[in-house]
């Protein structure tokens, strides 16, 4: 399984780690959040790419997805919802989406930085 990025997203993620290394997590169920978000749905409700301090990925993120920027961590149980080849891109209206093999996986995702400064 792998995840790749268009040039805009590659530049944005690369800039985040240029001066301060990070690990990236594909968080899809509010695990890494500043606030508790209630959900009545079981499964994936909000995709986010989250930068965390290098080497401090919580153990609950036990899955890995290869990328040109290194491994992205996720919860292994959620990988059944992913496609073998995923692509993150900026849309013409400046939203970020994840595409799978032939379909959108998530129409609007966030990129956030949860590293301590």
PDB file of N, CA and C in Angstrom:
ATOM      1  N   UNK A   1       0.855  -1.166   0.000  1.00  0.00           N
ATOM      2  CA  UNK A   1       0.000   0.000   0.000  1.00  0.00           C
ATOM      3  C   UNK A   1       0.901   1.228   0.000  1.00  0.00           C
ATOM      4  N   UNK A   2       0.507   2.239  -0.799  1.00  0.00           N
ATOM      5  CA  UNK A   2       1.301   3.463  -0.843  1.00  0.00           C
ATOM      6  C   UNK A   2       0.404   4.677  -1.004  1.00  0.00           C
ATOM      7  N   UNK A   3       0.967   5.826  -0.613  1.00  0.00           N
ATOM      8  CA  UNK A   3       0.275   7.096  -0.755  1.00  0.00           C
ATOM      9  C   UNK A   3       1.265   8.072  -1.397  1.00  0.00           C
ATOM     10  N   UNK A   4       0.812   8.773  -2.421  1.00  0.00           N
ATOM     11  CA  UNK A   4       1.635   9.774  -3.088  1.00  0.00           C
ATOM     12  C   UNK A   4       0.892  11.102  -3.088  1.00  0.00           C
ATOM     13  N   UNK A   5       1.577  12.155  -3.537  1.00  0.00           N
ATOM     14  CA  UNK A   5       1.047  13.509  -3.411  1.00  0.00           C
ATOM     15  C   UNK A   5       1.312  14.308  -4.673  1.00  0.00           C
ATOM     16  N   UNK A   6       0.431  15.256  -4.957  1.00  0.00           N
ATOM     17  CA  UNK A   6       0.723  16.169  -6.058  1.00  0.00           C
ATOM     18  C   UNK A   6       1.808  17.142  -5.581  1.00  0.00           C
ATOM     19  N   UNK A   7       2.291  17.979  -6.490  1.00  0.00           N
ATOM     20  CA  UNK A   7       3.393  18.883  -6.156  1.00  0.00           C
ATOM     21  C   UNK A   7       3.037  19.853  -5.030  1.00  0.00           C
ATOM     22  N   UNK A   8       1.813  20.355  -5.022  1.00  0.00           N
ATOM     23  CA  UNK A   8       1.396  21.309  -3.993  1.00  0.00           C
ATOM     24  C   UNK A   8       1.451  20.677  -2.606  1.00  0.00           C
ATOM     25  N   UNK A   9       0.917  19.482  -2.480  1.00  0.00           N
ATOM     26  CA  UNK A   9       0.898  18.795  -1.178  1.00  0.00           C
ATOM     27  C   UNK A   9       2.309  18.362  -0.793  1.00  0.00           C
ATOM     28  N   UNK A  10       3.089  17.887  -1.762  1.00  0.00           N
ATOM     29  CA  UNK A  10       4.478  17.511  -1.471  1.00  0.00           C
ATOM     30  C   UNK A  10       5.241  18.700  -0.911  1.00  0.00           C
ATOM     31  N   UNK A  11       5.095  19.863  -1.537  1.00  0.00           N
ATOM     32  CA  UNK A  11       5.784  21.069  -1.052  1.00  0.00           C
ATOM     33  C   UNK A  11       5.315  21.451   0.345  1.00  0.00           C
ATOM     34  N   UNK A  12       4.032  21.370   0.574  1.00  0.00           N
ATOM     35  CA  UNK A  12       3.485  21.748   1.893  1.00  0.00           C
ATOM     36  C   UNK A  12       3.996  20.818   2.988  1.00  0.00           C
ATOM     37  N   UNK A  13       3.975  19.521   2.745  1.00  0.00           N
ATOM     38  CA  UNK A  13       4.443  18.571   3.753  1.00  0.00           C
ATOM     39  C   UNK A  13       5.952  18.667   3.934  1.00  0.00           C
ATOM     40  N   UNK A  14       6.679  18.836   2.838  1.00  0.00           N
ATOM     41  CA  UNK A  14       8.139  18.960   2.919  1.00  0.00           C
ATOM     42  C   UNK A  14       8.537  20.203   3.713  1.00  0.00           C
ATOM     43  N   UNK A  15       7.823  21.302   3.512  1.00  0.00           N
ATOM     44  CA  UNK A  15       8.114  22.530   4.245  1.00  0.00           C
ATOM     45  C   UNK A  15       7.884  22.341   5.748  1.00  0.00           C
ATOM     46  N   UNK A  16       6.901  21.518   6.101  1.00  0.00           N
ATOM     47  CA  UNK A  16       6.616  21.279   7.520  1.00  0.00           C
ATOM     48  C   UNK A  16       7.776  20.585   8.222  1.00  0.00           C
ATOM     49  N   UNK A  17       8.493  19.734   7.505  1.00  0.00           N
ATOM     50  CA  UNK A  17       9.547  18.943   8.132  1.00  0.00           C
ATOM     51  C   UNK A  17      10.951  19.439   7.789  1.00  0.00           C
ATOM     52  N   UNK A  18      11.037  20.538   7.047  1.00  0.00           N
ATOM     53  CA  UNK A  18      12.330  21.049   6.620  1.00  0.00           C
ATOM     54  C   UNK A  18      13.236  21.395   7.801  1.00  0.00           C
ATOM     55  N   UNK A  19      12.721  22.111   8.774  1.00  0.00           N
ATOM     56  CA  UNK A  19      13.526  22.542   9.916  1.00  0.00           C
ATOM     57  C   UNK A  19      13.304  21.713  11.172  1.00  0.00           C
ATOM     58  N   UNK A  20      12.235  20.924  11.188  1.00  0.00           N
ATOM     59  CA  UNK A  20      11.920  20.133  12.374  1.00  0.00           C
ATOM     60  C   UNK A  20      11.325  18.799  11.924  1.00  0.00           C
ATOM     61  N   UNK A  21      12.083  17.716  12.087  1.00  0.00           N
ATOM     62  CA  UNK A  21      11.586  16.411  11.652  1.00  0.00           C
ATOM     63  C   UNK A  21      10.269  16.043  12.326  1.00  0.00           C
ATOM     64  N   UNK A  22       9.470  15.271  11.609  1.00  0.00           N
ATOM     65  CA  UNK A  22       8.170  14.832  12.131  1.00  0.00           C
ATOM     66  C   UNK A  22       7.851  13.468  11.564  1.00  0.00           C
ATOM     67  N   UNK A  23       6.938  12.801  12.222  1.00  0.00           N
ATOM     68  CA  UNK A  23       6.286  11.628  11.652  1.00  0.00           C
ATOM     69  C   UNK A  23       4.897  12.083  11.240  1.00  0.00           C
ATOM     70  N   UNK A  24       4.371  11.482  10.176  1.00  0.00           N
ATOM     71  CA  UNK A  24       3.026  11.811   9.715  1.00  0.00           C
ATOM     72  C   UNK A  24       2.071  10.668  10.030  1.00  0.00           C
ATOM     73  N   UNK A  25       0.902  11.048  10.489  1.00  0.00           N
ATOM     74  CA  UNK A  25      -0.155  10.092  10.814  1.00  0.00           C
ATOM     75  C   UNK A  25      -1.355  10.412   9.946  1.00  0.00           C
ATOM     76  N   UNK A  26      -1.947   9.387   9.344  1.00  0.00           N
ATOM     77  CA  UNK A  26      -3.224   9.540   8.663  1.00  0.00           C
ATOM     78  C   UNK A  26      -4.282   9.184   9.703  1.00  0.00           C
ATOM     79  N   UNK A  27      -4.801  10.213  10.350  1.00  0.00           N
ATOM     80  CA  UNK A  27      -5.759  10.058  11.451  1.00  0.00           C
ATOM     81  C   UNK A  27      -7.156  10.162  10.860  1.00  0.00           C
ATOM     82  N   UNK A  28      -7.964   9.146  11.063  1.00  0.00           N
ATOM     83  CA  UNK A  28      -9.282   9.139  10.417  1.00  0.00           C
ATOM     84  C   UNK A  28     -10.441   8.965  11.382  1.00  0.00           C
ATOM     85  N   UNK A  29     -10.166   8.971  12.670  1.00  0.00           N
ATOM     86  CA  UNK A  29     -11.279   8.796  13.604  1.00  0.00           C
ATOM     87  C   UNK A  29     -11.151   9.671  14.853  1.00  0.00           C
ATOM     88  N   UNK A  30     -10.524  10.825  14.691  1.00  0.00           N
ATOM     89  CA  UNK A  30     -10.431  11.827  15.764  1.00  0.00           C
ATOM     90  C   UNK A  30      -9.502  11.432  16.903  1.00  0.00           C
ATOM     91  N   UNK A  31      -8.639  10.452  16.721  1.00  0.00           N
ATOM     92  CA  UNK A  31      -7.756  10.037  17.807  1.00  0.00           C
ATOM     93  C   UNK A  31      -6.836  11.175  18.235  1.00  0.00           C
ATOM     94  N   UNK A  32      -6.203  11.825  17.273  1.00  0.00           N
ATOM     95  CA  UNK A  32      -5.327  12.954  17.576  1.00  0.00           C
ATOM     96  C   UNK A  32      -6.147  14.217  17.401  1.00  0.00           C
ATOM     97  N   UNK A  33      -6.621  14.749  18.489  1.00  0.00           N
ATOM     98  CA  UNK A  33      -7.476  15.918  18.411  1.00  0.00           C
ATOM     99  C   UNK A  33      -7.293  16.766  19.654  1.00  0.00           C
ATOM    100  N   UNK A  34      -7.351  18.070  19.474  1.00  0.00           N
ATOM    101  CA  UNK A  34      -7.287  18.980  20.615  1.00  0.00           C
ATOM    102  C   UNK A  34      -8.571  18.940  21.422  1.00  0.00           C
ATOM    103  N   UNK A  35      -9.617  18.474  20.814  1.00  0.00           N
ATOM    104  CA  UNK A  35     -10.908  18.415  21.487  1.00  0.00           C
ATOM    105  C   UNK A  35     -11.569  17.078  21.151  1.00  0.00           C
ATOM    106  N   UNK A  36     -12.406  16.623  22.015  1.00  0.00           N
ATOM    107  CA  UNK A  36     -13.143  15.397  21.760  1.00  0.00           C
ATOM    108  C   UNK A  36     -14.265  15.704  20.784  1.00  0.00           C
ATOM    109  N   UNK A  37     -14.339  14.904  19.738  1.00  0.00           N
ATOM    110  CA  UNK A  37     -15.372  15.082  18.728  1.00  0.00           C
ATOM    111  C   UNK A  37     -16.278  13.865  18.776  1.00  0.00           C
ATOM    112  N   UNK A  38     -17.514  14.085  19.140  1.00  0.00           N
ATOM    113  CA  UNK A  38     -18.460  12.974  19.228  1.00  0.00           C
ATOM    114  C   UNK A  38     -18.805  12.462  17.841  1.00  0.00           C
ATOM    115  N   UNK A  39     -18.961  11.157  17.745  1.00  0.00           N
ATOM    116  CA  UNK A  39     -19.326  10.555  16.472  1.00  0.00           C
ATOM    117  C   UNK A  39     -20.322   9.433  16.725  1.00  0.00           C
ATOM    118  N   UNK A  40     -21.399   9.411  15.963  1.00  0.00           N
ATOM    119  CA  UNK A  40     -22.371   8.330  16.082  1.00  0.00           C
ATOM    120  C   UNK A  40     -22.142   7.284  15.005  1.00  0.00           C
ATOM    121  N   UNK A  41     -21.090   7.449  14.262  1.00  0.00           N
ATOM    122  CA  UNK A  41     -20.774   6.549  13.161  1.00  0.00           C
ATOM    123  C   UNK A  41     -19.650   5.617  13.590  1.00  0.00           C
ATOM    124  N   UNK A  42     -19.713   4.379  13.175  1.00  0.00           N
ATOM    125  CA  UNK A  42     -18.581   3.505  13.411  1.00  0.00           C
ATOM    126  C   UNK A  42     -17.749   3.514  12.136  1.00  0.00           C
ATOM    127  N   UNK A  43     -16.484   3.727  12.274  1.00  0.00           N
ATOM    128  CA  UNK A  43     -15.631   3.749  11.097  1.00  0.00           C
ATOM    129  C   UNK A  43     -14.982   5.095  10.891  1.00  0.00           C
ATOM    130  N   UNK A  44     -14.694   5.389   9.663  1.00  0.00           N
ATOM    131  CA  UNK A  44     -13.914   6.565   9.314  1.00  0.00           C
ATOM    132  C   UNK A  44     -14.835   7.755   9.105  1.00  0.00           C
ATOM    133  N   UNK A  45     -14.557   8.840   9.838  1.00  0.00           N
ATOM    134  CA  UNK A  45     -15.438  10.001   9.755  1.00  0.00           C
ATOM    135  C   UNK A  45     -14.736  11.284   9.345  1.00  0.00           C
ATOM    136  N   UNK A  46     -13.425  11.372   9.527  1.00  0.00           N
ATOM    137  CA  UNK A  46     -12.716  12.594   9.152  1.00  0.00           C
ATOM    138  C   UNK A  46     -11.244  12.263   8.935  1.00  0.00           C
ATOM    139  N   UNK A  47     -10.787  12.420   7.719  1.00  0.00           N
ATOM    140  CA  UNK A  47      -9.382  12.174   7.417  1.00  0.00           C
ATOM    141  C   UNK A  47      -8.571  13.430   7.688  1.00  0.00           C
ATOM    142  N   UNK A  48      -7.424  13.242   8.319  1.00  0.00           N
ATOM    143  CA  UNK A  48      -6.479  14.332   8.523  1.00  0.00           C
ATOM    144  C   UNK A  48      -5.064  13.778   8.441  1.00  0.00           C
ATOM    145  N   UNK A  49      -4.184  14.548   7.841  1.00  0.00           N
ATOM    146  CA  UNK A  49      -2.759  14.249   7.901  1.00  0.00           C
ATOM    147  C   UNK A  49      -2.223  15.080   9.059  1.00  0.00           C
ATOM    148  N   UNK A  50      -1.647  14.396  10.047  1.00  0.00           N
ATOM    149  CA  UNK A  50      -1.198  15.064  11.264  1.00  0.00           C
ATOM    150  C   UNK A  50       0.308  14.862  11.425  1.00  0.00           C
ATOM    151  N   UNK A  51       1.026  15.965  11.609  1.00  0.00           N
ATOM    152  CA  UNK A  51       2.448  15.893  11.933  1.00  0.00           C
ATOM    153  C   UNK A  51       2.576  15.773  13.450  1.00  0.00           C
ATOM    154  N   UNK A  52       3.341  14.786  13.894  1.00  0.00           N
ATOM    155  CA  UNK A  52       3.614  14.607  15.323  1.00  0.00           C
ATOM    156  C   UNK A  52       5.131  14.596  15.515  1.00  0.00           C
ATOM    157  N   UNK A  53       5.563  14.829  16.732  1.00  0.00           N
ATOM    158  CA  UNK A  53       6.997  14.812  17.020  1.00  0.00           C
ATOM    159  C   UNK A  53       7.618  13.502  16.548  1.00  0.00           C
ATOM    160  N   UNK A  54       8.776  13.606  15.929  1.00  0.00           N
ATOM    161  CA  UNK A  54       9.481  12.438  15.412  1.00  0.00           C
ATOM    162  C   UNK A  54       9.681  11.407  16.518  1.00  0.00           C
ATOM    163  N   UNK A  55       9.289  10.160  16.244  1.00  0.00           N
ATOM    164  CA  UNK A  55       9.449   9.079  17.214  1.00  0.00           C
ATOM    165  C   UNK A  55       8.381   9.022  18.283  1.00  0.00           C
ATOM    166  N   UNK A  56       7.355   9.880  18.182  1.00  0.00           N
ATOM    167  CA  UNK A  56       6.318   9.913  19.216  1.00  0.00           C
ATOM    168  C   UNK A  56       4.931   9.562  18.673  1.00  0.00           C
ATOM    169  N   UNK A  57       4.882   8.679  17.694  1.00  0.00           N
ATOM    170  CA  UNK A  57       3.592   8.228  17.173  1.00  0.00           C
ATOM    171  C   UNK A  57       2.956   7.323  18.227  1.00  0.00           C
ATOM    172  N   UNK A  58       1.733   7.632  18.652  1.00  0.00           N
ATOM    173  CA  UNK A  58       1.076   6.768  19.642  1.00  0.00           C
ATOM    174  C   UNK A  58       0.963   5.325  19.138  1.00  0.00           C
ATOM    175  N   UNK A  59       1.115   4.378  20.045  1.00  0.00           N
ATOM    176  CA  UNK A  59       1.128   2.955  19.696  1.00  0.00           C
ATOM    177  C   UNK A  59      -0.147   2.498  19.001  1.00  0.00           C
ATOM    178  N   UNK A  60      -1.256   3.202  19.199  1.00  0.00           N
ATOM    179  CA  UNK A  60      -2.521   2.811  18.581  1.00  0.00           C
ATOM    180  C   UNK A  60      -2.440   2.881  17.041  1.00  0.00           C
ATOM    181  N   UNK A  61      -1.496   3.658  16.528  1.00  0.00           N
ATOM    182  CA  UNK A  61      -1.299   3.744  15.074  1.00  0.00           C
ATOM    183  C   UNK A  61      -0.331   2.642  14.659  1.00  0.00           C
ATOM    184  N   UNK A  62      -0.879   1.453  14.513  1.00  0.00           N
ATOM    185  CA  UNK A  62      -0.091   0.249  14.287  1.00  0.00           C
ATOM    186  C   UNK A  62       0.015  -0.165  12.824  1.00  0.00           C
ATOM    187  N   UNK A  63      -0.482   0.661  11.924  1.00  0.00           N
ATOM    188  CA  UNK A  63      -0.374   0.388  10.488  1.00  0.00           C
ATOM    189  C   UNK A  63       0.558   1.392   9.830  1.00  0.00           C
ATOM    190  N   UNK A  64       1.099   1.002   8.695  1.00  0.00           N
ATOM    191  CA  UNK A  64       2.009   1.885   7.959  1.00  0.00           C
ATOM    192  C   UNK A  64       1.667   1.869   6.481  1.00  0.00           C
ATOM    193  N   UNK A  65       1.793   3.044   5.891  1.00  0.00           N
ATOM    194  CA  UNK A  65       1.575   3.220   4.457  1.00  0.00           C
ATOM    195  C   UNK A  65       2.836   3.875   3.908  1.00  0.00           C
ATOM    196  N   UNK A  66       3.432   3.288   2.888  1.00  0.00           N
ATOM    197  CA  UNK A  66       4.633   3.856   2.296  1.00  0.00           C
ATOM    198  C   UNK A  66       4.326   5.116   1.510  1.00  0.00           C
ATOM    199  N   UNK A  67       5.291   6.054   1.503  1.00  0.00           N
ATOM    200  CA  UNK A  67       5.144   7.289   0.733  1.00  0.00           C
ATOM    201  C   UNK A  67       6.532   7.802   0.364  1.00  0.00           C
ATOM    202  N   UNK A  68       6.600   8.716  -0.602  1.00  0.00           N
ATOM    203  CA  UNK A  68       7.895   9.320  -0.933  1.00  0.00           C
ATOM    204  C   UNK A  68       8.494  10.124   0.229  1.00  0.00           C
ATOM    205  N   UNK A  69       7.680  10.488   1.209  1.00  0.00           N
ATOM    206  CA  UNK A  69       8.152  11.239   2.371  1.00  0.00           C
ATOM    207  C   UNK A  69       8.397  10.339   3.581  1.00  0.00           C
ATOM    208  N   UNK A  70       8.393   9.041   3.378  1.00  0.00           N
ATOM    209  CA  UNK A  70       8.561   8.095   4.473  1.00  0.00           C
ATOM    210  C   UNK A  70       7.233   7.469   4.836  1.00  0.00           C
ATOM    211  N   UNK A  71       7.259   6.600   5.823  1.00  0.00           N
ATOM    212  CA  UNK A  71       6.037   5.919   6.239  1.00  0.00           C
ATOM    213  C   UNK A  71       5.033   6.895   6.843  1.00  0.00           C
ATOM    214  N   UNK A  72       3.773   6.679   6.509  1.00  0.00           N
ATOM    215  CA  UNK A  72       2.659   7.353   7.162  1.00  0.00           C
ATOM    216  C   UNK A  72       2.033   6.320   8.077  1.00  0.00           C
ATOM    217  N   UNK A  73       1.737   6.705   9.287  1.00  0.00           N
ATOM    218  CA  UNK A  73       1.156   5.794  10.259  1.00  0.00           C
ATOM    219  C   UNK A  73      -0.364   5.928  10.254  1.00  0.00           C
ATOM    220  N   UNK A  74      -1.039   4.842  10.573  1.00  0.00           N
ATOM    221  CA  UNK A  74      -2.500   4.835  10.667  1.00  0.00           C
ATOM    222  C   UNK A  74      -2.895   3.667  11.561  1.00  0.00           C
ATOM    223  N   UNK A  75      -4.156   3.561  11.844  1.00  0.00           N
ATOM    224  CA  UNK A  75      -4.652   2.394  12.562  1.00  0.00           C
ATOM    225  C   UNK A  75      -4.842   1.273  11.548  1.00  0.00           C
ATOM    226  N   UNK A  76      -4.244   0.134  11.814  1.00  0.00           N
ATOM    227  CA  UNK A  76      -4.262  -0.971  10.859  1.00  0.00           C
ATOM    228  C   UNK A  76      -5.681  -1.407  10.501  1.00  0.00           C
ATOM    229  N   UNK A  77      -6.610  -1.359  11.449  1.00  0.00           N
ATOM    230  CA  UNK A  77      -7.977  -1.815  11.147  1.00  0.00           C
ATOM    231  C   UNK A  77      -8.614  -0.960  10.058  1.00  0.00           C
ATOM    232  N   UNK A  78      -8.236   0.293   9.933  1.00  0.00           N
ATOM    233  CA  UNK A  78      -8.834   1.182   8.939  1.00  0.00           C
ATOM    234  C   UNK A  78      -8.311   0.979   7.534  1.00  0.00           C
ATOM    235  N   UNK A  79      -7.238   0.231   7.405  1.00  0.00           N
ATOM    236  CA  UNK A  79      -6.641   0.037   6.087  1.00  0.00           C
ATOM    237  C   UNK A  79      -7.565  -0.709   5.138  1.00  0.00           C
ATOM    238  N   UNK A  80      -8.565  -1.399   5.669  1.00  0.00           N
ATOM    239  CA  UNK A  80      -9.508  -2.095   4.799  1.00  0.00           C
ATOM    240  C   UNK A  80     -10.338  -1.106   3.979  1.00  0.00           C
ATOM    241  N   UNK A  81     -10.386   0.158   4.405  1.00  0.00           N
ATOM    242  CA  UNK A  81     -11.125   1.181   3.679  1.00  0.00           C
ATOM    243  C   UNK A  81     -10.271   1.894   2.630  1.00  0.00           C
ATOM    244  N   UNK A  82      -8.979   1.624   2.614  1.00  0.00           N
ATOM    245  CA  UNK A  82      -8.064   2.297   1.708  1.00  0.00           C
ATOM    246  C   UNK A  82      -7.922   1.537   0.393  1.00  0.00           C
ATOM    247  N   UNK A  83      -7.383   2.209  -0.588  1.00  0.00           N
ATOM    248  CA  UNK A  83      -7.007   1.577  -1.843  1.00  0.00           C
ATOM    249  C   UNK A  83      -5.510   1.309  -1.812  1.00  0.00           C
ATOM    250  N   UNK A  84      -5.092   0.369  -2.616  1.00  0.00           N
ATOM    251  CA  UNK A  84      -3.673   0.013  -2.672  1.00  0.00           C
ATOM    252  C   UNK A  84      -2.812   1.221  -3.064  1.00  0.00           C
ATOM    253  N   UNK A  85      -3.333   2.045  -3.954  1.00  0.00           N
ATOM    254  CA  UNK A  85      -2.628   3.246  -4.411  1.00  0.00           C
ATOM    255  C   UNK A  85      -3.491   4.457  -4.124  1.00  0.00           C
ATOM    256  N   UNK A  86      -3.031   5.299  -3.209  1.00  0.00           N
ATOM    257  CA  UNK A  86      -3.787   6.503  -2.870  1.00  0.00           C
ATOM    258  C   UNK A  86      -2.989   7.729  -3.286  1.00  0.00           C
ATOM    259  N   UNK A  87      -3.703   8.785  -3.620  1.00  0.00           N
ATOM    260  CA  UNK A  87      -3.093  10.002  -4.127  1.00  0.00           C
ATOM    261  C   UNK A  87      -3.771  11.199  -3.468  1.00  0.00           C
ATOM    262  N   UNK A  88      -2.983  12.051  -2.836  1.00  0.00           N
ATOM    263  CA  UNK A  88      -3.514  13.244  -2.179  1.00  0.00           C
ATOM    264  C   UNK A  88      -3.227  14.430  -3.094  1.00  0.00           C
ATOM    265  N   UNK A  89      -4.271  15.219  -3.350  1.00  0.00           N
ATOM    266  CA  UNK A  89      -4.100  16.338  -4.286  1.00  0.00           C
ATOM    267  C   UNK A  89      -4.912  17.554  -3.845  1.00  0.00           C
ATOM    268  N   UNK A  90      -4.487  18.701  -4.344  1.00  0.00           N
ATOM    269  CA  UNK A  90      -5.209  19.947  -4.157  1.00  0.00           C
ATOM    270  C   UNK A  90      -6.212  20.056  -5.296  1.00  0.00           C
ATOM    271  N   UNK A  91      -7.451  20.364  -4.962  1.00  0.00           N
ATOM    272  CA  UNK A  91      -8.486  20.502  -5.988  1.00  0.00           C
ATOM    273  C   UNK A  91      -8.470  21.927  -6.537  1.00  0.00           C
ATOM    274  N   UNK A  92      -9.138  22.168  -7.661  1.00  0.00           N
ATOM    275  CA  UNK A  92      -9.198  23.527  -8.227  1.00  0.00           C
ATOM    276  C   UNK A  92      -9.799  24.555  -7.257  1.00  0.00           C
ATOM    277  N   UNK A  93     -10.660  24.110  -6.346  1.00  0.00           N
ATOM    278  CA  UNK A  93     -11.238  25.053  -5.379  1.00  0.00           C
ATOM    279  C   UNK A  93     -10.471  25.054  -4.050  1.00  0.00           C
ATOM    280  N   UNK A  94      -9.218  24.564  -4.074  1.00  0.00           N
ATOM    281  CA  UNK A  94      -8.267  24.632  -2.962  1.00  0.00           C
ATOM    282  C   UNK A  94      -8.621  23.768  -1.760  1.00  0.00           C
ATOM    283  N   UNK A  95      -9.359  22.706  -1.977  1.00  0.00           N
ATOM    284  CA  UNK A  95      -9.561  21.694  -0.949  1.00  0.00           C
ATOM    285  C   UNK A  95      -8.540  20.592  -1.184  1.00  0.00           C
ATOM    286  N   UNK A  96      -8.306  19.788  -0.183  1.00  0.00           N
ATOM    287  CA  UNK A  96      -7.383  18.661  -0.308  1.00  0.00           C
ATOM    288  C   UNK A  96      -8.205  17.391  -0.259  1.00  0.00           C
ATOM    289  N   UNK A  97      -7.974  16.499  -1.225  1.00  0.00           N
ATOM    290  CA  UNK A  97      -8.729  15.245  -1.250  1.00  0.00           C
ATOM    291  C   UNK A  97      -7.794  14.065  -1.437  1.00  0.00           C
ATOM    292  N   UNK A  98      -8.272  12.912  -0.994  1.00  0.00           N
ATOM    293  CA  UNK A  98      -7.562  11.651  -1.192  1.00  0.00           C
ATOM    294  C   UNK A  98      -8.310  10.859  -2.252  1.00  0.00           C
ATOM    295  N   UNK A  99      -7.580  10.481  -3.282  1.00  0.00           N
ATOM    296  CA  UNK A  99      -8.130   9.643  -4.347  1.00  0.00           C
ATOM    297  C   UNK A  99      -7.607   8.225  -4.180  1.00  0.00           C
ATOM    298  N   UNK A 100      -8.425   7.273  -4.561  1.00  0.00           N
ATOM    299  CA  UNK A 100      -7.997   5.891  -4.614  1.00  0.00           C
ATOM    300  C   UNK A 100      -7.900   5.478  -6.062  1.00  0.00           C
ATOM    301  N   UNK A 101      -7.832   4.200  -6.314  1.00  0.00           N
ATOM    302  CA  UNK A 101      -7.816   3.701  -7.681  1.00  0.00           C
ATOM    303  C   UNK A 101      -9.195   3.920  -8.298  1.00  0.00           C
ATOM    304  N   UNK A 102      -9.380   5.085  -8.906  1.00  0.00           N
ATOM    305  CA  UNK A 102     -10.615   5.338  -9.636  1.00  0.00           C
ATOM    306  C   UNK A 102     -11.717   6.021  -8.872  1.00  0.00           C
ATOM    307  N   UNK A 103     -11.537   6.305  -7.581  1.00  0.00           N
ATOM    308  CA  UNK A 103     -12.609   6.978  -6.834  1.00  0.00           C
ATOM    309  C   UNK A 103     -12.035   7.831  -5.718  1.00  0.00           C
ATOM    310  N   UNK A 104     -12.840   8.774  -5.265  1.00  0.00           N
ATOM    311  CA  UNK A 104     -12.446   9.605  -4.138  1.00  0.00           C
ATOM    312  C   UNK A 104     -12.664   8.826  -2.849  1.00  0.00           C
ATOM    313  N   UNK A 105     -11.686   8.899  -1.985  1.00  0.00           N
ATOM    314  CA  UNK A 105     -11.804   8.287  -0.670  1.00  0.00           C
ATOM    315  C   UNK A 105     -12.329   9.315   0.318  1.00  0.00           C
ATOM    316  N   UNK A 106     -11.801  10.540   0.223  1.00  0.00           N
ATOM    317  CA  UNK A 106     -12.245  11.628   1.100  1.00  0.00           C
ATOM    318  C   UNK A 106     -12.215  12.928   0.312  1.00  0.00           C
ATOM    319  N   UNK A 107     -13.328  13.643   0.368  1.00  0.00           N
ATOM    320  CA  UNK A 107     -13.475  14.863  -0.415  1.00  0.00           C
ATOM    321  C   UNK A 107     -12.742  16.057   0.161  1.00  0.00           C
ATOM    322  N   UNK A 108     -12.572  16.096   1.468  1.00  0.00           N
ATOM    323  CA  UNK A 108     -11.924  17.245   2.094  1.00  0.00           C
ATOM    324  C   UNK A 108     -11.187  16.777   3.331  1.00  0.00           C
ATOM    325  N   UNK A 109      -9.869  16.893   3.289  1.00  0.00           N
ATOM    326  CA  UNK A 109      -9.073  16.517   4.449  1.00  0.00           C
ATOM    327  C   UNK A 109      -8.290  17.730   4.933  1.00  0.00           C
ATOM    328  N   UNK A 110      -7.785  17.633   6.141  1.00  0.00           N
ATOM    329  CA  UNK A 110      -6.983  18.698   6.728  1.00  0.00           C
ATOM    330  C   UNK A 110      -5.543  18.221   6.870  1.00  0.00           C
ATOM    331  N   UNK A 111      -4.639  19.171   6.890  1.00  0.00           N
ATOM    332  CA  UNK A 111      -3.252  18.917   7.250  1.00  0.00           C
ATOM    333  C   UNK A 111      -2.993  19.765   8.491  1.00  0.00           C
ATOM    334  N   UNK A 112      -2.619  19.108   9.588  1.00  0.00           N
ATOM    335  CA  UNK A 112      -2.417  19.819  10.851  1.00  0.00           C
ATOM    336  C   UNK A 112      -1.090  19.421  11.477  1.00  0.00           C
ATOM    337  N   UNK A 113      -0.585  20.289  12.316  1.00  0.00           N
ATOM    338  CA  UNK A 113       0.697  20.074  12.980  1.00  0.00           C
ATOM    339  C   UNK A 113       0.453  20.038  14.485  1.00  0.00           C
ATOM    340  N   UNK A 114       0.643  18.884  15.091  1.00  0.00           N
ATOM    341  CA  UNK A 114       0.454  18.724  16.532  1.00  0.00           C
ATOM    342  C   UNK A 114       1.774  18.579  17.279  1.00  0.00           C
ATOM    343  N   UNK A 115       2.854  18.991  16.653  1.00  0.00           N
ATOM    344  CA  UNK A 115       4.145  18.910  17.344  1.00  0.00           C
ATOM    345  C   UNK A 115       4.251  19.988  18.406  1.00  0.00           C
ATOM    346  N   UNK A 116       4.941  19.651  19.481  1.00  0.00           N
ATOM    347  CA  UNK A 116       5.196  20.670  20.497  1.00  0.00           C
ATOM    348  C   UNK A 116       6.300  21.580  19.977  1.00  0.00           C
ATOM    349  N   UNK A 117       6.147  22.849  20.246  1.00  0.00           N
ATOM    350  CA  UNK A 117       7.096  23.826  19.697  1.00  0.00           C
ATOM    351  C   UNK A 117       8.057  24.294  20.747  1.00  0.00           C
TER     352      UNK A 117
END
